[in-house]
Amino acid sequence: MYHYLLRIVTFGLNTEQTNIIRQIQPLEGFDHEIITDPDNAVEVLSKGNLVIWNKDFSSESIEKIIAALAPFGKLIVCADANKIGSADKWLEKIFALWPEKMSLPVFKALLEKALETIKLSDDKKLTENYLNSLIDNMPDMVLFKDVKGAHLKVNEAFCRVVGKTKEDIKGRGHCYIWN
């Protein structure tokens, strides 16, 4: 389907944790590039797809990381529960919170789950792109409705016939669209 280079950037992990990352087989369609404790952190963060941070957990440090993180990047923060309150305004931008100290099997399980979640998300985006391309290039009207009759998705041909945009149509019922 696709090929994706996942750059995993780590900060503050121990040797055993880093070895686990290196030993994990990439999921189908993925390759891994692993960068550990880089000197040029800001530059690397801007290119990292998955960043695992196990260092200073302060509001200032998290703010700097998020500002430098690539728009598509995902941040995993390892921190004790009592430290999280200091940066709660950033929680919505953090992909996952892991315990600061954990056993190696727990670390591996959390990492595998994060990688699976990233793959599922990317698969979903690709499938949506395929669907949108397919229905938008069909000359006939295509529409999807929910059980209450609200339009979930329509194609360009449908929009031309009814004289409305996709944004106008989404979530609206039959009477609004055809009047």
Foldseek 3Di string as FASTA:
>chain_A
DAAEEAEEEEEDDDPLLVVLVVPDDADPRYDYDYHYPDPPLLVVQQVHQEYEYLDDQALVVLVSSLVSHHPNHAYEYADDPVSCVRNVVCVVRHNYYHHSDDDNVVSSVVVVVVSVVVVVVVVVVVVVVVVLVVQQPDQDWDWDADPVAQTQDIYPNLCVVQVHDRVQRGRDHDVVSND
